[in-house]
Amino acid sequence: MPNIPYVTKYKHTKKFVTKNNKSYSKPEHAKLYNSRRWRGLRNLYYKRNPLCVECSNNNILKEGYCVDHIKPVSEGGAFYEWSNLQTLCRTCHAKKTAREVNKRIRYNKDNNK
């Protein structure tokens, strides 16, 4: 999808329009993350576990940002399993996601040789 520029009276900015959410490892996971069942489970889990697990392990009290799957669903982790969930802050979630993506890239690179 092309970038669609628009002008405000303050400055020229670009509005990026994307057709798909690229953050999911597989398109079918997008439907699960947008389901009523997942939203309900996520909200309940966050209500009961509002602090970041990684920061808590380092004796830092920090409010969590998202409910994350401990074992990624793309690697066979259970999607709705309570024991496969954890609350992470933005920083910890970004680090964990980067590790997982790099692991997938290395795995794919090694298997394509």
N, C-alpha and C. Protein backbone atom coordinates (compact mmCIF):
# COMPACT_ATOMS: atom_id res chain seq x y z
N MET A 1 0.84 -1.17 0.00
CA MET A 1 0.00 0.00 0.00
C MET A 1 0.89 1.24 0.00
N PRO A 2 0.60 2.22 -0.79
CA PRO A 2 1.47 3.39 -0.87
C PRO A 2 1.31 4.30 0.35
N ASN A 3 2.35 5.09 0.61
CA ASN A 3 2.26 6.11 1.65
C ASN A 3 1.37 7.22 1.14
N ILE A 4 0.45 7.67 1.96
CA ILE A 4 -0.47 8.72 1.56
C ILE A 4 -0.12 9.99 2.32
N PRO A 5 0.50 10.96 1.65
CA PRO A 5 0.86 12.19 2.34
C PRO A 5 -0.37 13.06 2.56
N TYR A 6 -0.36 13.78 3.64
CA TYR A 6 -1.40 14.76 3.87
C TYR A 6 -0.79 15.96 4.54
N VAL A 7 -1.42 17.11 4.42
CA VAL A 7 -0.88 18.36 4.92
C VAL A 7 -1.79 18.89 6.01
N THR A 8 -1.18 19.28 7.11
CA THR A 8 -1.92 19.98 8.16
C THR A 8 -1.50 21.44 8.11
N LYS A 9 -2.14 22.28 8.86
CA LYS A 9 -1.74 23.68 8.82
C LYS A 9 -0.43 23.93 9.57
N TYR A 10 0.04 22.90 10.32
CA TYR A 10 1.27 23.06 11.08
C TYR A 10 2.50 22.55 10.33
N LYS A 11 2.41 21.40 9.74
CA LYS A 11 3.56 20.83 9.05
C LYS A 11 3.10 19.73 8.10
N HIS A 12 3.97 19.37 7.21
CA HIS A 12 3.69 18.29 6.28
C HIS A 12 4.09 16.98 6.95
N THR A 13 3.20 16.03 7.00
CA THR A 13 3.50 14.74 7.59
C THR A 13 3.05 13.65 6.63
N LYS A 14 3.51 12.45 6.86
CA LYS A 14 3.09 11.31 6.06
C LYS A 14 2.24 10.40 6.92
N LYS A 15 1.19 9.94 6.35
CA LYS A 15 0.33 8.98 7.01
C LYS A 15 0.61 7.62 6.37
N PHE A 16 0.95 6.65 7.17
CA PHE A 16 1.26 5.33 6.66
C PHE A 16 0.04 4.45 6.80
N VAL A 17 -0.39 3.91 5.70
CA VAL A 17 -1.54 3.03 5.68
C VAL A 17 -1.04 1.63 5.38
N THR A 18 -1.36 0.71 6.27
CA THR A 18 -0.97 -0.67 6.02
C THR A 18 -2.21 -1.53 5.96
N LYS A 19 -2.15 -2.52 5.10
CA LYS A 19 -3.29 -3.39 4.92
C LYS A 19 -3.34 -4.47 6.00
N ASN A 20 -2.18 -4.97 6.40
CA ASN A 20 -2.10 -6.06 7.38
C ASN A 20 -1.28 -5.61 8.58
N ASN A 21 -1.55 -6.21 9.71
CA ASN A 21 -0.70 -6.00 10.87
C ASN A 21 0.46 -6.96 10.74
N LYS A 22 1.67 -6.46 10.61
CA LYS A 22 2.85 -7.29 10.35
C LYS A 22 3.45 -7.87 11.63
N SER A 23 2.89 -7.54 12.79
CA SER A 23 3.50 -7.98 14.04
C SER A 23 3.24 -9.44 14.34
N TYR A 24 2.25 -10.04 13.71
CA TYR A 24 1.96 -11.44 13.98
C TYR A 24 2.83 -12.32 13.12
N SER A 25 3.29 -13.42 13.69
CA SER A 25 4.17 -14.30 12.93
C SER A 25 3.41 -15.02 11.83
N LYS A 26 2.13 -15.27 12.02
CA LYS A 26 1.31 -15.92 11.00
C LYS A 26 -0.03 -15.20 10.91
N PRO A 27 -0.60 -15.06 9.72
CA PRO A 27 -1.86 -14.33 9.56
C PRO A 27 -3.01 -14.90 10.39
N GLU A 28 -3.04 -16.22 10.57
CA GLU A 28 -4.16 -16.80 11.32
C GLU A 28 -4.11 -16.41 12.80
N HIS A 29 -2.93 -16.00 13.29
CA HIS A 29 -2.85 -15.56 14.68
C HIS A 29 -3.54 -14.22 14.89
N ALA A 30 -3.60 -13.40 13.85
CA ALA A 30 -4.27 -12.10 13.97
C ALA A 30 -5.73 -12.28 14.36
N LYS A 31 -6.40 -13.28 13.82
CA LYS A 31 -7.80 -13.54 14.16
C LYS A 31 -7.93 -13.92 15.62
N LEU A 32 -7.00 -14.72 16.12
CA LEU A 32 -7.04 -15.13 17.53
C LEU A 32 -6.84 -13.93 18.45
N TYR A 33 -5.87 -13.08 18.13
CA TYR A 33 -5.60 -11.92 18.98
C TYR A 33 -6.75 -10.90 18.97
N ASN A 34 -7.55 -10.92 17.94
CA ASN A 34 -8.69 -10.00 17.87
C ASN A 34 -9.99 -10.63 18.35
N SER A 35 -9.92 -11.84 18.88
CA SER A 35 -11.15 -12.52 19.32
C SER A 35 -11.60 -12.03 20.69
N ARG A 36 -12.87 -12.15 20.93
CA ARG A 36 -13.46 -11.76 22.22
C ARG A 36 -12.88 -12.62 23.35
N ARG A 37 -12.69 -13.91 23.06
CA ARG A 37 -12.16 -14.83 24.08
C ARG A 37 -10.77 -14.38 24.53
N TRP A 38 -9.88 -14.03 23.57
CA TRP A 38 -8.53 -13.59 23.93
C TRP A 38 -8.57 -12.28 24.70
N ARG A 39 -9.36 -11.32 24.26
CA ARG A 39 -9.42 -10.03 24.94
C ARG A 39 -9.89 -10.19 26.38
N GLY A 40 -10.87 -11.06 26.59
CA GLY A 40 -11.36 -11.31 27.95
C GLY A 40 -10.30 -11.95 28.83
N LEU A 41 -9.62 -12.97 28.29
CA LEU A 41 -8.56 -13.65 29.03
C LEU A 41 -7.42 -12.68 29.34
N ARG A 42 -7.01 -11.92 28.34
CA ARG A 42 -5.92 -10.95 28.51
C ARG A 42 -6.26 -9.93 29.59
N ASN A 43 -7.48 -9.39 29.55
CA ASN A 43 -7.87 -8.39 30.53
C ASN A 43 -7.91 -8.97 31.94
N LEU A 44 -8.42 -10.18 32.09
CA LEU A 44 -8.47 -10.83 33.39
C LEU A 44 -7.05 -11.11 33.90
N TYR A 45 -6.19 -11.62 33.02
CA TYR A 45 -4.81 -11.91 33.43
C TYR A 45 -4.11 -10.64 33.85
N TYR A 46 -4.26 -9.57 33.09
CA TYR A 46 -3.60 -8.30 33.41
C TYR A 46 -4.12 -7.74 34.73
N LYS A 47 -5.41 -7.88 34.98
CA LYS A 47 -6.00 -7.38 36.23
C LYS A 47 -5.39 -8.10 37.43
N ARG A 48 -5.14 -9.40 37.30
CA ARG A 48 -4.58 -10.19 38.40
C ARG A 48 -3.05 -10.12 38.47
N ASN A 49 -2.41 -9.75 37.36
CA ASN A 49 -0.93 -9.70 37.29
C ASN A 49 -0.50 -8.41 36.60
N PRO A 50 -0.60 -7.26 37.27
CA PRO A 50 -0.33 -5.98 36.61
C PRO A 50 1.15 -5.61 36.49
N LEU A 51 2.05 -6.33 37.16
CA LEU A 51 3.47 -5.96 37.14
C LEU A 51 4.26 -6.77 36.13
N CYS A 52 5.29 -6.15 35.57
CA CYS A 52 6.17 -6.81 34.61
C CYS A 52 6.93 -7.93 35.32
N VAL A 53 6.88 -9.12 34.77
CA VAL A 53 7.54 -10.30 35.36
C VAL A 53 9.06 -10.15 35.31
N GLU A 54 9.61 -9.73 34.18
CA GLU A 54 11.06 -9.59 34.04
C GLU A 54 11.62 -8.55 34.99
N CYS A 55 10.96 -7.42 35.09
CA CYS A 55 11.42 -6.37 36.00
C CYS A 55 11.30 -6.85 37.45
N SER A 56 10.22 -7.55 37.78
CA SER A 56 10.05 -8.09 39.13
C SER A 56 11.16 -9.06 39.49
N ASN A 57 11.63 -9.84 38.52
CA ASN A 57 12.74 -10.77 38.75
C ASN A 57 14.03 -10.03 39.08
N ASN A 58 14.13 -8.77 38.64
CA ASN A 58 15.30 -7.93 38.92
C ASN A 58 15.03 -6.95 40.06
N ASN A 59 14.02 -7.24 40.87
CA ASN A 59 13.64 -6.41 42.02
C ASN A 59 13.27 -4.98 41.63
N ILE A 60 12.62 -4.84 40.49
CA ILE A 60 12.11 -3.55 40.03
C ILE A 60 10.61 -3.67 39.90
N LEU A 61 9.88 -2.73 40.50
CA LEU A 61 8.43 -2.73 40.37
C LEU A 61 8.05 -1.81 39.22
N LYS A 62 7.53 -2.40 38.16
CA LYS A 62 7.16 -1.63 36.98
C LYS A 62 5.85 -2.18 36.44
N GLU A 63 4.96 -1.29 36.10
CA GLU A 63 3.67 -1.71 35.57
C GLU A 63 3.85 -2.37 34.21
N GLY A 64 3.12 -3.44 34.00
CA GLY A 64 3.18 -4.15 32.74
C GLY A 64 2.46 -3.40 31.65
N TYR A 65 2.79 -3.74 30.43
CA TYR A 65 2.20 -3.10 29.25
C TYR A 65 1.33 -4.08 28.47
N CYS A 66 1.77 -5.33 28.40
CA CYS A 66 1.01 -6.29 27.61
C CYS A 66 1.10 -7.68 28.22
N VAL A 67 0.16 -8.51 27.84
CA VAL A 67 0.17 -9.91 28.23
C VAL A 67 0.81 -10.68 27.08
N ASP A 68 1.87 -11.39 27.39
CA ASP A 68 2.70 -12.04 26.39
C ASP A 68 2.67 -13.55 26.60
N HIS A 69 2.84 -14.30 25.51
CA HIS A 69 2.94 -15.75 25.60
C HIS A 69 4.39 -16.12 25.93
N ILE A 70 4.59 -16.91 26.99
CA ILE A 70 5.93 -17.32 27.39
C ILE A 70 6.56 -18.14 26.27
N LYS A 71 5.89 -19.19 25.84
CA LYS A 71 6.31 -19.95 24.66
C LYS A 71 5.49 -19.44 23.50
N PRO A 72 6.13 -18.87 22.48
CA PRO A 72 5.38 -18.29 21.36
C PRO A 72 4.41 -19.28 20.73
N VAL A 73 3.28 -18.78 20.33
CA VAL A 73 2.26 -19.61 19.68
C VAL A 73 2.82 -20.19 18.39
N SER A 74 3.67 -19.43 17.71
CA SER A 74 4.26 -19.91 16.46
C SER A 74 5.20 -21.09 16.68
N GLU A 75 5.63 -21.29 17.93
CA GLU A 75 6.51 -22.41 18.26
C GLU A 75 5.77 -23.50 19.02
N GLY A 76 4.45 -23.46 18.99
CA GLY A 76 3.66 -24.51 19.61
C GLY A 76 3.12 -24.19 20.99
N GLY A 77 3.29 -22.96 21.45
CA GLY A 77 2.75 -22.57 22.75
C GLY A 77 1.24 -22.51 22.71
N ALA A 78 0.60 -22.87 23.83
CA ALA A 78 -0.86 -22.85 23.90
C ALA A 78 -1.35 -21.41 23.94
N PHE A 79 -2.30 -21.09 23.09
CA PHE A 79 -2.76 -19.72 22.95
C PHE A 79 -3.55 -19.24 24.17
N TYR A 80 -4.51 -20.04 24.64
CA TYR A 80 -5.39 -19.62 25.72
C TYR A 80 -4.97 -20.19 27.09
N GLU A 81 -3.82 -20.81 27.20
CA GLU A 81 -3.38 -21.43 28.44
C GLU A 81 -2.85 -20.38 29.42
N TRP A 82 -3.46 -20.31 30.60
CA TRP A 82 -3.10 -19.33 31.63
C TRP A 82 -1.62 -19.45 32.00
N SER A 83 -1.12 -20.68 32.10
CA SER A 83 0.27 -20.89 32.51
C SER A 83 1.28 -20.49 31.43
N ASN A 84 0.82 -20.19 30.22
CA ASN A 84 1.70 -19.75 29.14
C ASN A 84 1.68 -18.23 28.97
N LEU A 85 1.11 -17.52 29.94
CA LEU A 85 1.00 -16.07 29.85
C LEU A 85 1.89 -15.40 30.89
N GLN A 86 2.33 -14.19 30.54
CA GLN A 86 3.09 -13.35 31.47
C GLN A 86 2.86 -11.89 31.10
N THR A 87 2.95 -11.02 32.08
CA THR A 87 2.81 -9.59 31.84
C THR A 87 4.21 -9.00 31.70
N LEU A 88 4.41 -8.18 30.65
CA LEU A 88 5.70 -7.54 30.41
C LEU A 88 5.51 -6.05 30.17
N CYS A 89 6.52 -5.26 30.55
CA CYS A 89 6.51 -3.83 30.22
C CYS A 89 6.95 -3.68 28.76
N ARG A 90 6.89 -2.48 28.23
CA ARG A 90 7.25 -2.25 26.82
C ARG A 90 8.69 -2.68 26.53
N THR A 91 9.62 -2.29 27.40
CA THR A 91 11.03 -2.58 27.18
C THR A 91 11.29 -4.08 27.17
N CYS A 92 10.79 -4.77 28.18
CA CYS A 92 11.01 -6.22 28.27
C CYS A 92 10.33 -6.95 27.12
N HIS A 93 9.14 -6.50 26.72
CA HIS A 93 8.44 -7.13 25.61
C HIS A 93 9.21 -6.94 24.31
N ALA A 94 9.75 -5.75 24.10
CA ALA A 94 10.53 -5.49 22.88
C ALA A 94 11.78 -6.36 22.84
N LYS A 95 12.45 -6.52 23.98
CA LYS A 95 13.66 -7.36 24.02
C LYS A 95 13.31 -8.81 23.75
N LYS A 96 12.25 -9.31 24.36
CA LYS A 96 11.85 -10.71 24.18
C LYS A 96 11.44 -10.96 22.72
N THR A 97 10.68 -10.05 22.16
CA THR A 97 10.25 -10.19 20.77
C THR A 97 11.45 -10.18 19.83
N ALA A 98 12.42 -9.30 20.08
CA ALA A 98 13.61 -9.23 19.24
C ALA A 98 14.39 -10.54 19.31
N ARG A 99 14.52 -11.11 20.51
CA ARG A 99 15.21 -12.40 20.65
C ARG A 99 14.50 -13.49 19.85
N GLU A 100 13.18 -13.52 19.94
CA GLU A 100 12.40 -14.55 19.23
C GLU A 100 12.52 -14.39 17.72
N VAL A 101 12.44 -13.16 17.24
CA VAL A 101 12.54 -12.91 15.80
C VAL A 101 13.93 -13.29 15.30
N ASN A 102 14.96 -12.89 16.04
CA ASN A 102 16.32 -13.24 15.63
C ASN A 102 16.53 -14.75 15.63
N LYS A 103 15.95 -15.42 16.60
CA LYS A 103 16.05 -16.88 16.68
C LYS A 103 15.40 -17.51 15.44
N ARG A 104 14.21 -16.99 15.05
CA ARG A 104 13.52 -17.51 13.86
C ARG A 104 14.32 -17.26 12.60
N ILE A 105 14.94 -16.07 12.50
CA ILE A 105 15.73 -15.72 11.32
C ILE A 105 16.94 -16.64 11.21
N ARG A 106 17.64 -16.85 12.34
CA ARG A 106 18.81 -17.75 12.33
C ARG A 106 18.39 -19.17 11.97
N TYR A 107 17.28 -19.63 12.53
CA TYR A 107 16.79 -20.98 12.24
C TYR A 107 16.48 -21.14 10.76
N ASN A 108 15.78 -20.14 10.19
CA ASN A 108 15.42 -20.21 8.77
C ASN A 108 16.66 -20.14 7.89
N LYS A 109 17.61 -19.31 8.29
CA LYS A 109 18.84 -19.18 7.52
C LYS A 109 19.63 -20.48 7.53
N ASP A 110 19.72 -21.13 8.69
CA ASP A 110 20.46 -22.38 8.81
C ASP A 110 19.79 -23.52 8.04
N ASN A 111 18.47 -23.54 8.02
CA ASN A 111 17.74 -24.61 7.35
C ASN A 111 17.64 -24.43 5.85
N ASN A 112 17.91 -23.22 5.35
CA ASN A 112 17.84 -22.97 3.92
C ASN A 112 19.17 -23.18 3.21
N LYS A 113 20.21 -23.54 3.97
CA LYS A 113 21.53 -23.75 3.36
C LYS A 113 21.59 -25.08 2.65
